[in-house]
């Protein structure tokens, strides 16, 4: 009896797994975009990469590359905590529909945040997307704290 079929009985955890995987794939896409922008702008983080691509003068920073890096860094600051919170929240046996709304709002908020960041959309698009995505995280954190308070 493998554990995966048992896990699949937890529809909340399966929903969390779906949205988490979408978000991780989105992070990979941002990393790939960063690399492509580096190549296009000839702005390399390492001297050996610069030498391979035309010379040490290309061992430099570029504002477009830095924008991609900031988007990726922001993902790490927000998606990694979501992975913890969502996993623990899934174990609290929440209402599946409510849980799915939490995961969906976070996922869509982060996708819009990335699009706004990379395409330099007019403010406050990015900060609104960021703030909306934080709401389900705070909700999950609060529910986790309420469930675990007896054990502090």
N, C-alpha and C. Protein backbone atom coordinates (compact mmCIF):
# COMPACT_ATOMS: atom_id res chain seq x y z
N UNK A 1 0.84 -1.19 0.00
CA UNK A 1 0.00 0.00 0.00
C UNK A 1 0.88 1.25 0.00
N UNK A 2 0.98 1.87 -1.14
CA UNK A 2 1.83 3.08 -1.26
C UNK A 2 1.14 4.27 -0.59
N UNK A 3 1.93 5.29 -0.26
CA UNK A 3 1.37 6.45 0.44
C UNK A 3 0.71 7.43 -0.50
N UNK A 4 1.07 7.39 -1.80
CA UNK A 4 0.50 8.37 -2.72
C UNK A 4 -1.02 8.26 -2.84
N UNK A 5 -1.62 7.07 -3.00
CA UNK A 5 -3.09 7.01 -3.04
C UNK A 5 -3.73 7.56 -1.77
N UNK A 6 -3.11 7.33 -0.60
CA UNK A 6 -3.62 7.89 0.65
C UNK A 6 -3.58 9.42 0.61
N UNK A 7 -2.47 9.96 0.10
CA UNK A 7 -2.32 11.41 -0.05
C UNK A 7 -3.41 11.98 -0.96
N UNK A 8 -3.74 11.22 -2.00
CA UNK A 8 -4.72 11.69 -2.98
C UNK A 8 -6.12 11.80 -2.38
N UNK A 9 -6.33 11.16 -1.24
CA UNK A 9 -7.61 11.28 -0.55
C UNK A 9 -7.75 12.67 0.08
N UNK A 10 -6.63 13.33 0.33
CA UNK A 10 -6.66 14.68 0.89
C UNK A 10 -6.77 15.66 -0.28
N UNK A 11 -8.01 16.00 -0.63
CA UNK A 11 -8.24 16.87 -1.80
C UNK A 11 -7.62 18.25 -1.60
N UNK A 12 -7.58 18.73 -0.36
CA UNK A 12 -6.96 20.03 -0.08
C UNK A 12 -5.47 19.96 -0.40
N UNK A 13 -4.81 18.90 0.05
CA UNK A 13 -3.38 18.76 -0.21
C UNK A 13 -3.11 18.62 -1.71
N UNK A 14 -3.97 17.91 -2.42
CA UNK A 14 -3.79 17.76 -3.87
C UNK A 14 -3.96 19.10 -4.58
N UNK A 15 -4.91 19.90 -4.13
CA UNK A 15 -5.11 21.24 -4.69
C UNK A 15 -3.88 22.11 -4.40
N UNK A 16 -3.39 22.05 -3.15
CA UNK A 16 -2.18 22.78 -2.76
C UNK A 16 -1.01 22.36 -3.65
N UNK A 17 -0.88 21.07 -3.89
CA UNK A 17 0.21 20.53 -4.72
C UNK A 17 0.11 21.08 -6.14
N UNK A 18 -1.10 21.12 -6.69
CA UNK A 18 -1.31 21.66 -8.03
C UNK A 18 -0.84 23.11 -8.12
N UNK A 19 -1.35 23.96 -7.24
CA UNK A 19 -1.00 25.39 -7.29
C UNK A 19 0.48 25.63 -6.97
N UNK A 20 1.04 24.85 -6.05
CA UNK A 20 2.47 24.99 -5.73
C UNK A 20 3.33 24.65 -6.94
N UNK A 21 2.94 23.62 -7.65
CA UNK A 21 3.70 23.21 -8.83
C UNK A 21 3.61 24.27 -9.92
N UNK A 22 2.45 24.86 -10.11
CA UNK A 22 2.30 25.97 -11.07
C UNK A 22 3.26 27.11 -10.69
N UNK A 23 3.30 27.45 -9.40
CA UNK A 23 4.14 28.55 -8.94
C UNK A 23 5.64 28.24 -9.10
N UNK A 24 6.02 27.01 -8.84
CA UNK A 24 7.43 26.63 -9.02
C UNK A 24 7.79 26.67 -10.50
N UNK A 25 6.90 26.21 -11.37
CA UNK A 25 7.15 26.31 -12.81
C UNK A 25 7.27 27.77 -13.23
N UNK A 26 6.43 28.64 -12.65
CA UNK A 26 6.51 30.07 -12.94
C UNK A 26 7.88 30.62 -12.55
N UNK A 27 8.41 30.18 -11.41
CA UNK A 27 9.74 30.62 -10.98
C UNK A 27 10.81 30.16 -11.96
N UNK A 28 10.69 28.94 -12.47
CA UNK A 28 11.64 28.46 -13.49
C UNK A 28 11.56 29.32 -14.74
N UNK A 29 10.36 29.70 -15.13
CA UNK A 29 10.19 30.56 -16.31
C UNK A 29 10.90 31.90 -16.09
N UNK A 30 10.75 32.49 -14.90
CA UNK A 30 11.44 33.76 -14.61
C UNK A 30 12.96 33.56 -14.68
N UNK A 31 13.47 32.44 -14.18
CA UNK A 31 14.91 32.16 -14.25
C UNK A 31 15.36 32.06 -15.71
N UNK A 32 14.57 31.39 -16.53
CA UNK A 32 14.90 31.26 -17.96
C UNK A 32 14.88 32.63 -18.64
N UNK A 33 13.87 33.43 -18.33
CA UNK A 33 13.78 34.78 -18.88
C UNK A 33 15.01 35.60 -18.47
N UNK A 34 15.42 35.48 -17.21
CA UNK A 34 16.61 36.20 -16.73
C UNK A 34 17.83 35.82 -17.58
N UNK A 35 18.01 34.56 -17.82
CA UNK A 35 19.13 34.09 -18.64
C UNK A 35 19.06 34.62 -20.06
N UNK A 36 17.85 34.64 -20.62
CA UNK A 36 17.68 35.14 -21.98
C UNK A 36 17.98 36.64 -22.06
N UNK A 37 17.54 37.39 -21.04
CA UNK A 37 17.81 38.83 -21.01
C UNK A 37 19.32 39.07 -20.85
N UNK A 38 19.98 38.26 -20.03
CA UNK A 38 21.45 38.35 -19.89
C UNK A 38 22.13 38.19 -21.25
N UNK A 39 21.71 37.19 -22.00
CA UNK A 39 22.30 36.93 -23.32
C UNK A 39 22.02 38.08 -24.28
N UNK A 40 20.75 38.53 -24.29
CA UNK A 40 20.36 39.60 -25.21
C UNK A 40 21.08 40.91 -24.90
N UNK A 41 21.22 41.22 -23.61
CA UNK A 41 21.85 42.48 -23.18
C UNK A 41 23.36 42.34 -22.99
N UNK A 42 23.87 41.11 -23.16
CA UNK A 42 25.29 40.83 -22.91
C UNK A 42 25.72 41.41 -21.56
N UNK A 43 25.08 40.93 -20.50
CA UNK A 43 25.39 41.36 -19.14
C UNK A 43 25.50 40.11 -18.28
N UNK A 44 26.74 39.71 -18.01
CA UNK A 44 26.98 38.43 -17.35
C UNK A 44 27.46 38.61 -15.91
N UNK A 45 27.01 37.69 -15.05
CA UNK A 45 27.31 37.76 -13.63
C UNK A 45 28.69 37.21 -13.30
N UNK A 46 29.25 36.42 -14.21
CA UNK A 46 30.53 35.76 -13.97
C UNK A 46 31.51 36.06 -15.10
N UNK A 47 32.78 36.31 -14.76
CA UNK A 47 33.77 36.64 -15.80
C UNK A 47 33.90 35.56 -16.87
N UNK A 48 33.82 34.28 -16.46
CA UNK A 48 33.96 33.21 -17.45
C UNK A 48 32.83 33.22 -18.47
N UNK A 49 31.61 33.62 -18.03
CA UNK A 49 30.48 33.73 -18.96
C UNK A 49 30.68 34.90 -19.91
N UNK A 50 31.20 36.00 -19.38
CA UNK A 50 31.48 37.18 -20.21
C UNK A 50 32.53 36.85 -21.27
N UNK A 51 33.61 36.18 -20.84
CA UNK A 51 34.68 35.81 -21.78
C UNK A 51 34.15 34.90 -22.89
N UNK A 52 33.29 33.99 -22.53
CA UNK A 52 32.70 33.06 -23.51
C UNK A 52 31.78 33.79 -24.49
N UNK A 53 31.23 34.93 -24.05
CA UNK A 53 30.24 35.65 -24.87
C UNK A 53 30.75 37.01 -25.36
N UNK A 54 32.04 37.15 -25.57
CA UNK A 54 32.53 38.36 -26.22
C UNK A 54 33.57 39.17 -25.48
N UNK A 55 33.80 38.89 -24.20
CA UNK A 55 34.87 39.60 -23.51
C UNK A 55 34.49 40.09 -22.13
N UNK A 56 35.52 40.43 -21.35
CA UNK A 56 35.32 40.85 -19.96
C UNK A 56 34.49 42.13 -19.81
N UNK A 57 34.40 42.94 -20.89
CA UNK A 57 33.57 44.16 -20.81
C UNK A 57 32.10 43.79 -20.57
N UNK A 58 31.71 42.54 -20.83
CA UNK A 58 30.32 42.11 -20.63
C UNK A 58 30.09 41.49 -19.26
N UNK A 59 31.13 41.54 -18.40
CA UNK A 59 31.00 41.14 -17.00
C UNK A 59 30.50 42.38 -16.28
N UNK A 60 29.15 42.55 -16.30
CA UNK A 60 28.58 43.81 -15.83
C UNK A 60 27.11 43.60 -15.47
N UNK A 61 26.54 44.61 -14.82
CA UNK A 61 25.12 44.60 -14.50
C UNK A 61 24.35 45.32 -15.58
N UNK A 62 23.06 44.99 -15.68
CA UNK A 62 22.17 45.65 -16.63
C UNK A 62 20.82 45.86 -15.92
N UNK A 63 20.20 47.03 -16.09
CA UNK A 63 18.93 47.30 -15.40
C UNK A 63 17.83 46.28 -15.71
N UNK A 64 17.77 45.79 -16.93
CA UNK A 64 16.74 44.81 -17.29
C UNK A 64 16.99 43.45 -16.64
N UNK A 65 18.25 43.06 -16.58
CA UNK A 65 18.60 41.81 -15.90
C UNK A 65 18.29 41.95 -14.41
N UNK A 66 18.65 43.09 -13.82
CA UNK A 66 18.40 43.31 -12.40
C UNK A 66 16.90 43.29 -12.08
N UNK A 67 16.09 43.79 -12.99
CA UNK A 67 14.63 43.74 -12.81
C UNK A 67 14.17 42.28 -12.75
N UNK A 68 14.66 41.46 -13.65
CA UNK A 68 14.31 40.03 -13.64
C UNK A 68 14.76 39.37 -12.34
N UNK A 69 15.97 39.72 -11.90
CA UNK A 69 16.50 39.15 -10.66
C UNK A 69 15.66 39.58 -9.45
N UNK A 70 15.21 40.83 -9.45
CA UNK A 70 14.35 41.29 -8.34
C UNK A 70 13.02 40.56 -8.34
N UNK A 71 12.46 40.32 -9.52
CA UNK A 71 11.19 39.57 -9.61
C UNK A 71 11.38 38.16 -9.05
N UNK A 72 12.51 37.54 -9.41
CA UNK A 72 12.81 36.18 -8.93
C UNK A 72 13.03 36.17 -7.41
N UNK A 73 13.76 37.16 -6.92
CA UNK A 73 14.01 37.28 -5.48
C UNK A 73 12.70 37.46 -4.71
N UNK A 74 11.81 38.29 -5.26
CA UNK A 74 10.52 38.53 -4.62
C UNK A 74 9.71 37.23 -4.58
N UNK A 75 9.78 36.44 -5.65
CA UNK A 75 9.12 35.12 -5.66
C UNK A 75 9.63 34.25 -4.52
N UNK A 76 10.95 34.22 -4.34
CA UNK A 76 11.52 33.38 -3.28
C UNK A 76 11.05 33.85 -1.90
N UNK A 77 10.98 35.17 -1.71
CA UNK A 77 10.53 35.71 -0.43
C UNK A 77 9.06 35.39 -0.13
N UNK A 78 8.28 35.14 -1.17
CA UNK A 78 6.84 34.96 -0.98
C UNK A 78 6.33 33.56 -1.27
N UNK A 79 6.88 32.90 -2.27
CA UNK A 79 6.41 31.57 -2.63
C UNK A 79 6.93 30.52 -1.65
N UNK A 80 8.20 30.65 -1.21
CA UNK A 80 8.71 29.67 -0.24
C UNK A 80 7.88 29.65 1.04
N UNK A 81 7.57 30.82 1.65
CA UNK A 81 6.69 30.76 2.84
C UNK A 81 5.31 30.16 2.53
N UNK A 82 4.77 30.45 1.33
CA UNK A 82 3.48 29.87 0.94
C UNK A 82 3.57 28.34 0.92
N UNK A 83 4.69 27.80 0.46
CA UNK A 83 4.83 26.34 0.40
C UNK A 83 4.73 25.72 1.79
N UNK A 84 5.33 26.38 2.78
CA UNK A 84 5.24 25.90 4.16
C UNK A 84 3.82 26.08 4.69
N UNK A 85 3.30 27.30 4.57
CA UNK A 85 1.98 27.60 5.13
C UNK A 85 0.90 26.71 4.51
N UNK A 86 0.91 26.59 3.19
CA UNK A 86 -0.10 25.79 2.50
C UNK A 86 -0.04 24.32 2.87
N UNK A 87 1.18 23.79 3.02
CA UNK A 87 1.33 22.38 3.39
C UNK A 87 0.76 22.13 4.78
N UNK A 88 1.11 22.98 5.75
CA UNK A 88 0.61 22.81 7.12
C UNK A 88 -0.90 23.04 7.17
N UNK A 89 -1.35 24.10 6.49
CA UNK A 89 -2.79 24.42 6.43
C UNK A 89 -3.57 23.23 5.88
N UNK A 90 -3.02 22.54 4.88
CA UNK A 90 -3.69 21.38 4.29
C UNK A 90 -3.92 20.27 5.30
N UNK A 91 -3.05 20.21 6.32
CA UNK A 91 -3.17 19.18 7.36
C UNK A 91 -4.23 19.50 8.40
N UNK A 92 -4.73 20.75 8.38
CA UNK A 92 -5.72 21.18 9.38
C UNK A 92 -7.15 20.80 9.00
N UNK A 93 -7.31 20.08 7.91
CA UNK A 93 -8.63 19.66 7.42
C UNK A 93 -9.55 20.85 7.16
N UNK A 94 -9.08 21.86 6.41
CA UNK A 94 -9.96 23.00 6.11
C UNK A 94 -11.02 22.62 5.08
N UNK A 95 -12.03 23.47 4.95
CA UNK A 95 -13.04 23.27 3.91
C UNK A 95 -12.32 23.28 2.56
N UNK A 96 -12.51 22.24 1.73
CA UNK A 96 -11.79 22.17 0.45
C UNK A 96 -12.03 23.36 -0.49
N UNK A 97 -13.27 23.84 -0.53
CA UNK A 97 -13.58 24.99 -1.40
C UNK A 97 -12.87 26.25 -0.90
N UNK A 98 -12.89 26.46 0.39
CA UNK A 98 -12.22 27.63 1.00
C UNK A 98 -10.71 27.53 0.78
N UNK A 99 -10.17 26.35 0.98
CA UNK A 99 -8.73 26.13 0.79
C UNK A 99 -8.34 26.42 -0.66
N UNK A 100 -9.13 25.90 -1.59
CA UNK A 100 -8.84 26.11 -3.01
C UNK A 100 -8.85 27.60 -3.36
N UNK A 101 -9.77 28.34 -2.76
CA UNK A 101 -9.81 29.81 -2.98
C UNK A 101 -8.52 30.45 -2.46
N UNK A 102 -8.05 30.02 -1.28
CA UNK A 102 -6.78 30.54 -0.74
C UNK A 102 -5.65 30.32 -1.74
N UNK A 103 -5.52 29.08 -2.23
CA UNK A 103 -4.42 28.72 -3.12
C UNK A 103 -4.54 29.46 -4.46
N UNK A 104 -5.77 29.52 -4.97
CA UNK A 104 -6.01 30.17 -6.27
C UNK A 104 -5.66 31.66 -6.21
N UNK A 105 -6.13 32.35 -5.16
CA UNK A 105 -5.86 33.79 -5.03
C UNK A 105 -4.35 34.04 -4.94
N UNK A 106 -3.66 33.22 -4.14
CA UNK A 106 -2.21 33.41 -4.04
C UNK A 106 -1.54 33.20 -5.40
N UNK A 107 -1.91 32.13 -6.07
CA UNK A 107 -1.30 31.78 -7.35
C UNK A 107 -1.54 32.87 -8.40
N UNK A 108 -2.77 33.30 -8.55
CA UNK A 108 -3.09 34.34 -9.54
C UNK A 108 -2.40 35.66 -9.17
N UNK A 109 -2.42 35.99 -7.89
CA UNK A 109 -1.74 37.22 -7.43
C UNK A 109 -0.26 37.21 -7.78
N UNK A 110 0.40 36.06 -7.57
CA UNK A 110 1.83 35.97 -7.88
C UNK A 110 2.09 36.00 -9.39
N UNK A 111 1.22 35.42 -10.17
CA UNK A 111 1.39 35.46 -11.64
C UNK A 111 1.24 36.90 -12.13
N UNK A 112 0.22 37.60 -11.64
CA UNK A 112 0.02 39.00 -12.03
C UNK A 112 1.20 39.85 -11.54
N UNK A 113 1.69 39.58 -10.33
CA UNK A 113 2.84 40.30 -9.81
C UNK A 113 4.04 40.17 -10.75
N UNK A 114 4.31 38.95 -11.19
CA UNK A 114 5.45 38.71 -12.09
C UNK A 114 5.26 39.42 -13.43
N UNK A 115 4.07 39.32 -13.99
CA UNK A 115 3.79 39.99 -15.27
C UNK A 115 3.98 41.50 -15.11
N UNK A 116 3.43 42.05 -14.02
CA UNK A 116 3.56 43.49 -13.77
C UNK A 116 5.02 43.89 -13.60
N UNK A 117 5.80 43.05 -12.93
CA UNK A 117 7.22 43.33 -12.70
C UNK A 117 7.99 43.31 -14.02
N UNK A 118 7.85 42.22 -14.76
CA UNK A 118 8.66 42.04 -15.97
C UNK A 118 8.24 42.99 -17.10
N UNK A 119 6.96 43.29 -17.19
CA UNK A 119 6.48 44.18 -18.26
C UNK A 119 6.41 45.65 -17.81
N UNK A 120 6.88 45.91 -16.58
CA UNK A 120 6.91 47.26 -16.02
C UNK A 120 5.54 47.95 -16.11
N UNK A 121 4.49 47.21 -15.72
CA UNK A 121 3.13 47.77 -15.76
C UNK A 121 3.02 48.93 -14.78
N UNK A 122 2.09 49.83 -15.11
CA UNK A 122 1.89 51.05 -14.33
C UNK A 122 1.54 50.72 -12.88
N UNK A 123 2.15 51.47 -11.95
CA UNK A 123 1.81 51.34 -10.53
C UNK A 123 0.35 51.76 -10.34
N UNK A 124 -0.38 51.17 -9.40
CA UNK A 124 0.06 50.21 -8.37
C UNK A 124 -0.24 48.74 -8.72
N UNK A 125 -0.25 48.38 -10.00
CA UNK A 125 -0.61 47.00 -10.38
C UNK A 125 0.18 45.96 -9.60
N UNK A 126 1.50 46.12 -9.59
CA UNK A 126 2.35 45.13 -8.93
C UNK A 126 2.10 45.07 -7.43
N UNK A 127 2.01 46.22 -6.78
CA UNK A 127 1.82 46.21 -5.33
C UNK A 127 0.43 45.72 -4.94
N UNK A 128 -0.57 45.97 -5.76
CA UNK A 128 -1.92 45.43 -5.49
C UNK A 128 -1.89 43.91 -5.61
N UNK A 129 -1.24 43.39 -6.66
CA UNK A 129 -1.13 41.94 -6.84
C UNK A 129 -0.39 41.31 -5.65
N UNK A 130 0.68 41.97 -5.22
CA UNK A 130 1.45 41.50 -4.06
C UNK A 130 0.55 41.44 -2.83
N UNK A 131 -0.16 42.52 -2.56
CA UNK A 131 -1.00 42.62 -1.37
C UNK A 131 -2.13 41.59 -1.37
N UNK A 132 -2.78 41.43 -2.51
CA UNK A 132 -3.87 40.45 -2.63
C UNK A 132 -3.33 39.05 -2.36
N UNK A 133 -2.15 38.74 -2.90
CA UNK A 133 -1.56 37.41 -2.70
C UNK A 133 -1.18 37.17 -1.24
N UNK A 134 -0.89 38.25 -0.49
CA UNK A 134 -0.52 38.08 0.92
C UNK A 134 -1.73 37.69 1.78
N UNK A 135 -2.92 38.10 1.37
CA UNK A 135 -4.11 37.85 2.19
C UNK A 135 -4.32 36.37 2.52
N UNK A 136 -4.31 35.47 1.54
CA UNK A 136 -4.49 34.06 1.91
C UNK A 136 -3.35 33.53 2.78
N UNK A 137 -2.15 34.08 2.63
CA UNK A 137 -1.03 33.64 3.47
C UNK A 137 -1.26 34.03 4.92
N UNK A 138 -1.69 35.27 5.13
CA UNK A 138 -2.00 35.70 6.50
C UNK A 138 -3.15 34.88 7.07
N UNK A 139 -4.15 34.60 6.26
CA UNK A 139 -5.28 33.79 6.69
C UNK A 139 -4.82 32.39 7.11
N UNK A 140 -3.99 31.77 6.28
CA UNK A 140 -3.49 30.42 6.61
C UNK A 140 -2.63 30.45 7.87
N UNK A 141 -1.76 31.47 7.96
CA UNK A 141 -0.87 31.59 9.14
C UNK A 141 -1.71 31.73 10.41
N UNK A 142 -2.74 32.55 10.35
CA UNK A 142 -3.60 32.75 11.51
C UNK A 142 -4.30 31.45 11.90
N UNK A 143 -4.82 30.72 10.90
CA UNK A 143 -5.50 29.46 11.20
C UNK A 143 -4.54 28.42 11.77
N UNK A 144 -3.29 28.41 11.27
CA UNK A 144 -2.28 27.49 11.81
C UNK A 144 -1.98 27.85 13.27
N UNK A 145 -1.81 29.15 13.53
CA UNK A 145 -1.54 29.58 14.91
C UNK A 145 -2.69 29.22 15.85
N UNK A 146 -3.92 29.45 15.37
CA UNK A 146 -5.08 29.12 16.21
C UNK A 146 -5.14 27.62 16.50
N UNK A 147 -4.82 26.82 15.50
CA UNK A 147 -4.87 25.35 15.67
C UNK A 147 -3.74 24.84 16.56
N UNK A 148 -2.63 25.56 16.59
CA UNK A 148 -1.46 25.05 17.32
C UNK A 148 -1.23 25.75 18.66
N UNK A 149 -2.01 26.77 18.97
CA UNK A 149 -1.87 27.49 20.24
C UNK A 149 -1.87 26.56 21.46
N UNK A 150 -2.72 25.52 21.49
CA UNK A 150 -2.70 24.65 22.68
C UNK A 150 -1.35 23.97 22.90
N UNK A 151 -0.50 23.93 21.88
CA UNK A 151 0.77 23.19 21.96
C UNK A 151 1.98 24.08 22.21
N UNK A 152 1.76 25.38 22.39
CA UNK A 152 2.92 26.26 22.60
C UNK A 152 3.44 26.03 23.98
